Amino acid sequence: MYLGSINEKVWDVMKNDFVILHPTNPTPREKENKQSNTMVLNTIYNAIDSKVFEQIKDLERAAKFGQDWIKPMKAHRRSRVPSYTSSRTN
């Protein structure tokens, strides 16, 4: 599932993280960010196998998953994809 399809805030929390300055009295925006974070984590947990889940089950921030898992996977995938450039000139 594309996280941005849930809503834009969900993707933003995954991509940029967030801070709650006063956990005992969060602002409405901080509450919304926390709920978006929960949506991301729920989506991730439902999409992965049990071995990966065991490694990330204690995550509290979705952005941490993005930093530790998604970015390295993308970099690894790019390094293994052959470069296909057109050698044809006009």
Protein backbone atom coordinates (compact mmCIF):
# COMPACT_ATOMS: atom_id res chain seq x y z
CA MET A 1 0.00 0.00 0.00
CA TYR A 2 1.21 3.48 -0.80
CA LEU A 3 1.14 5.39 2.47
CA GLY A 4 0.25 8.63 0.75
CA SER A 5 -3.02 7.02 -0.33
CA ILE A 6 -4.16 6.93 3.30
CA ASN A 7 -3.71 10.69 3.53
CA GLU A 8 -0.94 13.19 2.95
CA LYS A 9 -0.15 13.59 6.66
CA VAL A 10 0.58 9.86 6.97
CA TRP A 11 3.25 10.01 4.27
CA ASP A 12 4.65 13.24 5.72
CA VAL A 13 5.12 11.63 9.15
CA MET A 14 6.87 8.65 7.56
CA LYS A 15 9.14 10.83 5.48
CA ASN A 16 9.92 13.67 7.88
CA ASP A 17 9.21 12.41 11.41
CA PHE A 18 7.66 14.67 14.05
CA VAL A 19 8.19 15.90 17.59
CA ILE A 20 5.78 16.14 20.51
CA LEU A 21 7.09 18.87 22.77
CA HIS A 22 4.72 18.26 25.71
CA PRO A 23 3.56 14.60 25.73
CA THR A 24 1.12 15.26 28.57
CA ASN A 25 -0.52 18.14 26.70
CA PRO A 26 -0.02 17.70 22.93
CA THR A 27 -1.36 20.24 20.48
CA PRO A 28 -4.03 19.20 17.96
CA ARG A 29 -1.34 18.98 15.26
CA GLU A 30 0.86 16.79 17.48
CA LYS A 31 -2.11 14.50 18.14
CA GLU A 32 -2.73 14.27 14.39
CA ASN A 33 0.94 13.43 13.78
CA LYS A 34 0.86 10.76 16.47
CA GLN A 35 -2.25 9.20 14.92
CA SER A 36 -0.64 9.31 11.46
CA ASN A 37 2.45 7.62 12.89
CA THR A 38 0.25 4.85 14.30
CA MET A 39 -1.39 4.40 10.88
CA VAL A 40 2.02 4.03 9.22
CA LEU A 41 3.26 1.51 11.77
CA ASN A 42 0.04 -0.50 11.46
CA THR A 43 0.39 -0.56 7.67
CA ILE A 44 4.03 -1.63 7.89
CA TYR A 45 3.29 -4.36 10.43
CA ASN A 46 0.53 -5.76 8.20
CA ALA A 47 2.78 -5.76 5.14
CA ILE A 48 5.86 -7.55 6.48
CA ASP A 49 6.61 -11.12 7.38
CA SER A 50 7.04 -12.34 10.94
CA LYS A 51 10.86 -12.36 10.79
CA VAL A 52 11.03 -8.68 9.93
CA PHE A 53 8.28 -7.92 12.44
CA GLU A 54 10.38 -9.41 15.22
CA GLN A 55 13.18 -7.01 14.31
CA ILE A 56 11.03 -3.88 14.26
CA LYS A 57 8.18 -4.60 16.68
CA ASP A 58 9.46 -2.10 19.23
CA LEU A 59 9.58 0.85 16.84
CA GLU A 60 7.78 3.92 18.09
CA ARG A 61 8.45 6.15 15.09
CA ALA A 62 7.61 5.26 11.51
CA ALA A 63 10.32 7.59 10.21
CA LYS A 64 12.90 5.40 11.95
CA PHE A 65 11.73 2.47 9.82
CA GLY A 66 12.19 4.63 6.74
CA GLN A 67 15.70 5.61 7.76
CA ASP A 68 16.86 2.15 8.83
CA TRP A 69 15.09 -0.09 6.32
CA ILE A 70 13.63 1.66 3.28
CA LYS A 71 16.49 4.02 2.38
CA PRO A 72 19.18 1.29 2.57
CA MET A 73 16.99 -1.06 0.52
CA LYS A 74 16.49 1.58 -2.17
CA ALA A 75 20.22 2.28 -2.30
CA HIS A 76 20.99 -1.43 -2.57
CA ARG A 77 18.40 -1.87 -5.31
CA ARG A 78 19.81 1.07 -7.30
CA SER A 79 23.32 -0.38 -7.09
CA ARG A 80 22.12 -3.68 -8.56
CA VAL A 81 19.98 -2.29 -11.39
CA PRO A 82 21.88 -2.16 -14.67
CA SER A 83 22.04 1.17 -16.38
CA TYR A 84 20.16 1.15 -19.65
CA THR A 85 21.04 4.17 -21.71
CA SER A 86 20.37 4.63 -25.33
CA SER A 87 23.52 4.45 -27.42
CA ARG A 88 21.59 5.51 -30.47
CA THR A 89 22.27 9.04 -31.69
CA ASN A 90 20.20 11.01 -34.14
